[in-house]
C-alpha cells in the first residue's frame, strides 16, 4: 500500500528523504543546502516549501516538493512542483502521478490557483495534463521547459 505524507519535524524518514533528494539533484559540495532546505520546511507555521514522500511498506519510494521558487530564471512564477523522484524499481506504478496530484491538491488547499514546474524531460508531464508555457534557464545556464497546471 502506498501512502503520501508531508515531511515534518521529528519524522523518522527525514534523514533518508534528505539523502534521497540530495543524491538526485545535489553534488559533493551542497548537501548542507538540501538538508537546510528540507529541515526548515518542517518548521511550525511554514506554508512553503513543503516536501512529501511516498511510502510503500515503510520504505520511501518517491519524493516531491512544493516550493516558492525552483532554481530557474522565471522567479515571477510561483509555486513550483519540484524534486519529483521515484526509485527505479517502483516506476511505472503510478507513484509519480500520485505525487504530482498530491502536490497540486496541496497547492490548491494553500490558495494557489496555478502551479509550475521546469524539466528537461520529453513527454512525461504532458501525460498528466501539464501545459508547456515557455522556456527558462537553470542557475547553471541550462535551458528547460516550463509547464503550468491550473
C-alpha atoms as a PDB file:
ATOM      1  CA  UNK A   1       0.000   0.000   0.000  1.00  0.00           C
ATOM      2  CA  UNK A   2       1.273   3.452  -0.932  1.00  0.00           C
ATOM      3  CA  UNK A   3       0.922   6.442   1.357  1.00  0.00           C
ATOM      4  CA  UNK A   4       1.982  10.032   0.672  1.00  0.00           C
ATOM      5  CA  UNK A   5       2.954  12.072   3.715  1.00  0.00           C
ATOM      6  CA  UNK A   6       4.372  15.520   4.371  1.00  0.00           C
ATOM      7  CA  UNK A   7       7.791  15.562   5.987  1.00  0.00           C
ATOM      8  CA  UNK A   8       7.553  17.078   9.452  1.00  0.00           C
ATOM      9  CA  UNK A   9       9.968  17.797  12.279  1.00  0.00           C
ATOM     10  CA  UNK A  10      10.814  14.576  14.041  1.00  0.00           C
ATOM     11  CA  UNK A  11       9.760  12.377  11.124  1.00  0.00           C
ATOM     12  CA  UNK A  12      11.662   9.083  11.187  1.00  0.00           C
ATOM     13  CA  UNK A  13      12.069   9.464   7.406  1.00  0.00           C
ATOM     14  CA  UNK A  14      13.667  12.923   7.448  1.00  0.00           C
ATOM     15  CA  UNK A  15      17.334  11.958   7.107  1.00  0.00           C
ATOM     16  CA  UNK A  16      16.640   9.319   4.471  1.00  0.00           C
ATOM     17  CA  UNK A  17      14.488  11.743   2.461  1.00  0.00           C
ATOM     18  CA  UNK A  18      17.169  14.462   2.570  1.00  0.00           C
ATOM     19  CA  UNK A  19      19.769  11.980   1.305  1.00  0.00           C
ATOM     20  CA  UNK A  20      17.456  10.788  -1.471  1.00  0.00           C
ATOM     21  CA  UNK A  21      16.716  14.330  -2.650  1.00  0.00           C
ATOM     22  CA  UNK A  22      20.371  15.393  -2.425  1.00  0.00           C
ATOM     23  CA  UNK A  23      21.520  12.274  -4.292  1.00  0.00           C
ATOM     24  CA  UNK A  24      19.230  13.138  -7.212  1.00  0.00           C
ATOM     25  CA  UNK A  25      19.890  16.886  -7.506  1.00  0.00           C
ATOM     26  CA  UNK A  26      22.951  17.683  -5.449  1.00  0.00           C
ATOM     27  CA  UNK A  27      26.666  17.118  -5.627  1.00  0.00           C
ATOM     28  CA  UNK A  28      29.511  16.604  -3.171  1.00  0.00           C
ATOM     29  CA  UNK A  29      29.536  20.331  -2.323  1.00  0.00           C
ATOM     30  CA  UNK A  30      25.910  21.097  -1.477  1.00  0.00           C
ATOM     31  CA  UNK A  31      24.498  18.518   0.943  1.00  0.00           C
ATOM     32  CA  UNK A  32      24.038  21.272   3.548  1.00  0.00           C
ATOM     33  CA  UNK A  33      21.885  23.273   1.105  1.00  0.00           C
ATOM     34  CA  UNK A  34      19.446  20.396   0.628  1.00  0.00           C
ATOM     35  CA  UNK A  35      19.461  19.422   4.290  1.00  0.00           C
ATOM     36  CA  UNK A  36      18.778  23.002   5.387  1.00  0.00           C
ATOM     37  CA  UNK A  37      16.004  23.446   2.822  1.00  0.00           C
ATOM     38  CA  UNK A  38      14.175  20.293   3.908  1.00  0.00           C
ATOM     39  CA  UNK A  39      14.705  20.820   7.644  1.00  0.00           C
ATOM     40  CA  UNK A  40      13.397  24.399   7.623  1.00  0.00           C
ATOM     41  CA  UNK A  41      10.387  23.335   5.574  1.00  0.00           C
ATOM     42  CA  UNK A  42       9.355  21.390   8.689  1.00  0.00           C
ATOM     43  CA  UNK A  43       9.264  24.491  10.903  1.00  0.00           C
ATOM     44  CA  UNK A  44       5.878  25.148  12.525  1.00  0.00           C
ATOM     45  CA  UNK A  45       3.798  27.691  10.608  1.00  0.00           C
ATOM     46  CA  UNK A  46       5.771  27.311   7.369  1.00  0.00           C
ATOM     47  CA  UNK A  47       3.424  27.393   4.369  1.00  0.00           C
ATOM     48  CA  UNK A  48       6.118  26.806   1.729  1.00  0.00           C
ATOM     49  CA  UNK A  49       8.324  24.999   0.990  1.00  0.00           C
ATOM     50  CA  UNK A  50       6.895  21.574   1.762  1.00  0.00           C
ATOM     51  CA  UNK A  51       8.373  18.177   1.000  1.00  0.00           C
ATOM     52  CA  UNK A  52       6.414  14.963   0.559  1.00  0.00           C
ATOM     53  CA  UNK A  53       7.382  11.327   0.379  1.00  0.00           C
ATOM     54  CA  UNK A  54       5.593   8.275  -0.897  1.00  0.00           C
ATOM     55  CA  UNK A  55       5.906   5.256   1.378  1.00  0.00           C
ATOM     56  CA  UNK A  56       5.380   1.660   0.448  1.00  0.00           C
ATOM     57  CA  UNK A  57       5.755  -0.852   3.274  1.00  0.00           C
ATOM     58  CA  UNK A  58       7.663   1.726   5.362  1.00  0.00           C
ATOM     59  CA  UNK A  59      10.173   2.365   2.526  1.00  0.00           C
ATOM     60  CA  UNK A  60      10.480   5.694   0.707  1.00  0.00           C
ATOM     61  CA  UNK A  61       9.724   5.025  -2.943  1.00  0.00           C
ATOM     62  CA  UNK A  62       9.264   8.616  -4.111  1.00  0.00           C
ATOM     63  CA  UNK A  63       9.703  12.285  -3.272  1.00  0.00           C
ATOM     64  CA  UNK A  64       8.151  15.550  -4.362  1.00  0.00           C
ATOM     65  CA  UNK A  65       8.106  19.164  -3.176  1.00  0.00           C
ATOM     66  CA  UNK A  66       6.026  22.302  -3.358  1.00  0.00           C
ATOM     67  CA  UNK A  67       8.440  25.241  -3.437  1.00  0.00           C
ATOM     68  CA  UNK A  68       8.085  29.013  -3.574  1.00  0.00           C
ATOM     69  CA  UNK A  69      10.736  29.096  -6.284  1.00  0.00           C
ATOM     70  CA  UNK A  70      12.717  26.464  -8.096  1.00  0.00           C
ATOM     71  CA  UNK A  71      16.281  27.201  -9.178  1.00  0.00           C
ATOM     72  CA  UNK A  72      15.075  28.568 -12.526  1.00  0.00           C
ATOM     73  CA  UNK A  73      15.185  32.056 -14.060  1.00  0.00           C
ATOM     74  CA  UNK A  74      11.396  32.538 -14.011  1.00  0.00           C
ATOM     75  CA  UNK A  75      11.181  33.863 -10.465  1.00  0.00           C
ATOM     76  CA  UNK A  76       7.933  35.652 -11.390  1.00  0.00           C
ATOM     77  CA  UNK A  77       6.134  32.288 -11.264  1.00  0.00           C
ATOM     78  CA  UNK A  78       5.168  30.506  -8.057  1.00  0.00           C
ATOM     79  CA  UNK A  79       4.699  27.932  -6.546  1.00  0.00           C
ATOM     80  CA  UNK A  80       6.692  25.127  -8.154  1.00  0.00           C
ATOM     81  CA  UNK A  81       6.378  21.365  -8.152  1.00  0.00           C
ATOM     82  CA  UNK A  82       9.943  20.118  -7.744  1.00  0.00           C
ATOM     83  CA  UNK A  83      12.056  17.183  -6.589  1.00  0.00           C
ATOM     84  CA  UNK A  84       9.771  14.595  -8.199  1.00  0.00           C
ATOM     85  CA  UNK A  85      11.626  11.312  -7.999  1.00  0.00           C
ATOM     86  CA  UNK A  86      10.554   7.675  -7.970  1.00  0.00           C
ATOM     87  CA  UNK A  87      13.068   4.921  -7.237  1.00  0.00           C
ATOM     88  CA  UNK A  88      13.790   2.970 -10.422  1.00  0.00           C
ATOM     89  CA  UNK A  89      12.323  -0.351  -9.247  1.00  0.00           C
ATOM     90  CA  UNK A  90       8.987   1.324  -8.473  1.00  0.00           C
ATOM     91  CA  UNK A  91       8.482   3.288 -11.668  1.00  0.00           C
ATOM     92  CA  UNK A  92       5.533   2.689 -13.988  1.00  0.00           C
ATOM     93  CA  UNK A  93       3.270   2.018 -10.995  1.00  0.00           C
ATOM     94  CA  UNK A  94       1.633   5.445 -10.834  1.00  0.00           C
ATOM     95  CA  UNK A  95       3.723   6.802  -7.955  1.00  0.00           C
ATOM     96  CA  UNK A  96       4.958   9.821  -9.918  1.00  0.00           C
ATOM     97  CA  UNK A  97       1.416  10.671 -10.975  1.00  0.00           C
ATOM     98  CA  UNK A  98       0.132  10.235  -7.409  1.00  0.00           C
ATOM     99  CA  UNK A  99       2.857  12.549  -6.066  1.00  0.00           C
ATOM    100  CA  UNK A 100       2.056  15.179  -8.712  1.00  0.00           C
ATOM    101  CA  UNK A 101      -1.658  15.040  -7.928  1.00  0.00           C
ATOM    102  CA  UNK A 102      -0.952  15.299  -4.207  1.00  0.00           C
ATOM    103  CA  UNK A 103       1.193  18.413  -4.641  1.00  0.00           C
ATOM    104  CA  UNK A 104      -1.373  20.028  -6.950  1.00  0.00           C
ATOM    105  CA  UNK A 105      -4.083  19.410  -4.314  1.00  0.00           C
ATOM    106  CA  UNK A 106      -1.838  20.831  -1.588  1.00  0.00           C
ATOM    107  CA  UNK A 107      -1.171  23.942  -3.678  1.00  0.00           C
ATOM    108  CA  UNK A 108      -4.904  24.432  -4.185  1.00  0.00           C
ATOM    109  CA  UNK A 109      -5.554  23.894  -0.471  1.00  0.00           C
ATOM    110  CA  UNK A 110      -2.969  26.595   0.262  1.00  0.00           C
ATOM    111  CA  UNK A 111      -4.818  29.043  -2.020  1.00  0.00           C
ATOM    112  CA  UNK A 112      -2.814  28.800  -5.242  1.00  0.00           C
ATOM    113  CA  UNK A 113      -4.766  28.543  -8.483  1.00  0.00           C
ATOM    114  CA  UNK A 114      -1.769  27.544 -10.646  1.00  0.00           C
ATOM    115  CA  UNK A 115       1.404  25.568 -10.114  1.00  0.00           C
ATOM    116  CA  UNK A 116       4.550  25.392 -12.246  1.00  0.00           C
ATOM    117  CA  UNK A 117       7.432  23.046 -12.952  1.00  0.00           C
ATOM    118  CA  UNK A 118      10.571  23.023 -15.061  1.00  0.00           C
ATOM    119  CA  UNK A 119      12.056  19.983 -16.731  1.00  0.00           C
ATOM    120  CA  UNK A 120      14.248  18.600 -19.483  1.00  0.00           C
ATOM    121  CA  UNK A 121      12.001  15.545 -19.848  1.00  0.00           C
ATOM    122  CA  UNK A 122      10.132  14.959 -23.090  1.00  0.00           C
ATOM    123  CA  UNK A 123       6.539  13.761 -22.959  1.00  0.00           C
ATOM    124  CA  UNK A 124       6.284  12.830 -19.274  1.00  0.00           C
ATOM    125  CA  UNK A 125       4.332  15.734 -17.805  1.00  0.00           C
ATOM    126  CA  UNK A 126       2.073  16.104 -20.824  1.00  0.00           C
ATOM    127  CA  UNK A 127       0.537  12.734 -19.880  1.00  0.00           C
ATOM    128  CA  UNK A 128      -0.588  14.340 -16.607  1.00  0.00           C
ATOM    129  CA  UNK A 129      -2.131  17.354 -18.397  1.00  0.00           C
ATOM    130  CA  UNK A 130       0.633  19.865 -17.704  1.00  0.00           C
ATOM    131  CA  UNK A 131       0.762  22.618 -20.333  1.00  0.00           C
ATOM    132  CA  UNK A 132       4.094  23.929 -21.587  1.00  0.00           C
ATOM    133  CA  UNK A 133       4.123  27.732 -21.337  1.00  0.00           C
ATOM    134  CA  UNK A 134       7.679  28.562 -22.334  1.00  0.00           C
ATOM    135  CA  UNK A 135      11.334  28.144 -21.533  1.00  0.00           C
ATOM    136  CA  UNK A 136      13.580  29.274 -18.745  1.00  0.00           C
ATOM    137  CA  UNK A 137      17.126  28.720 -17.571  1.00  0.00           C
ATOM    138  CA  UNK A 138      18.516  26.909 -14.595  1.00  0.00           C
ATOM    139  CA  UNK A 139      21.117  28.662 -12.448  1.00  0.00           C
ATOM    140  CA  UNK A 140      23.689  26.593 -14.378  1.00  0.00           C
ATOM    141  CA  UNK A 141      22.606  28.262 -17.641  1.00  0.00           C
ATOM    142  CA  UNK A 142      20.876  25.151 -18.970  1.00  0.00           C
ATOM    143  CA  UNK A 143      17.595  25.756 -20.830  1.00  0.00           C
ATOM    144  CA  UNK A 144      14.494  23.968 -19.504  1.00  0.00           C
ATOM    145  CA  UNK A 145      10.839  23.778 -20.442  1.00  0.00           C
ATOM    146  CA  UNK A 146       8.352  25.417 -18.090  1.00  0.00           C
ATOM    147  CA  UNK A 147       4.919  23.934 -17.518  1.00  0.00           C
ATOM    148  CA  UNK A 148       1.834  25.043 -15.632  1.00  0.00           C
ATOM    149  CA  UNK A 149      -1.248  23.334 -14.315  1.00  0.00           C
ATOM    150  CA  UNK A 150      -4.405  25.120 -13.219  1.00  0.00           C
END
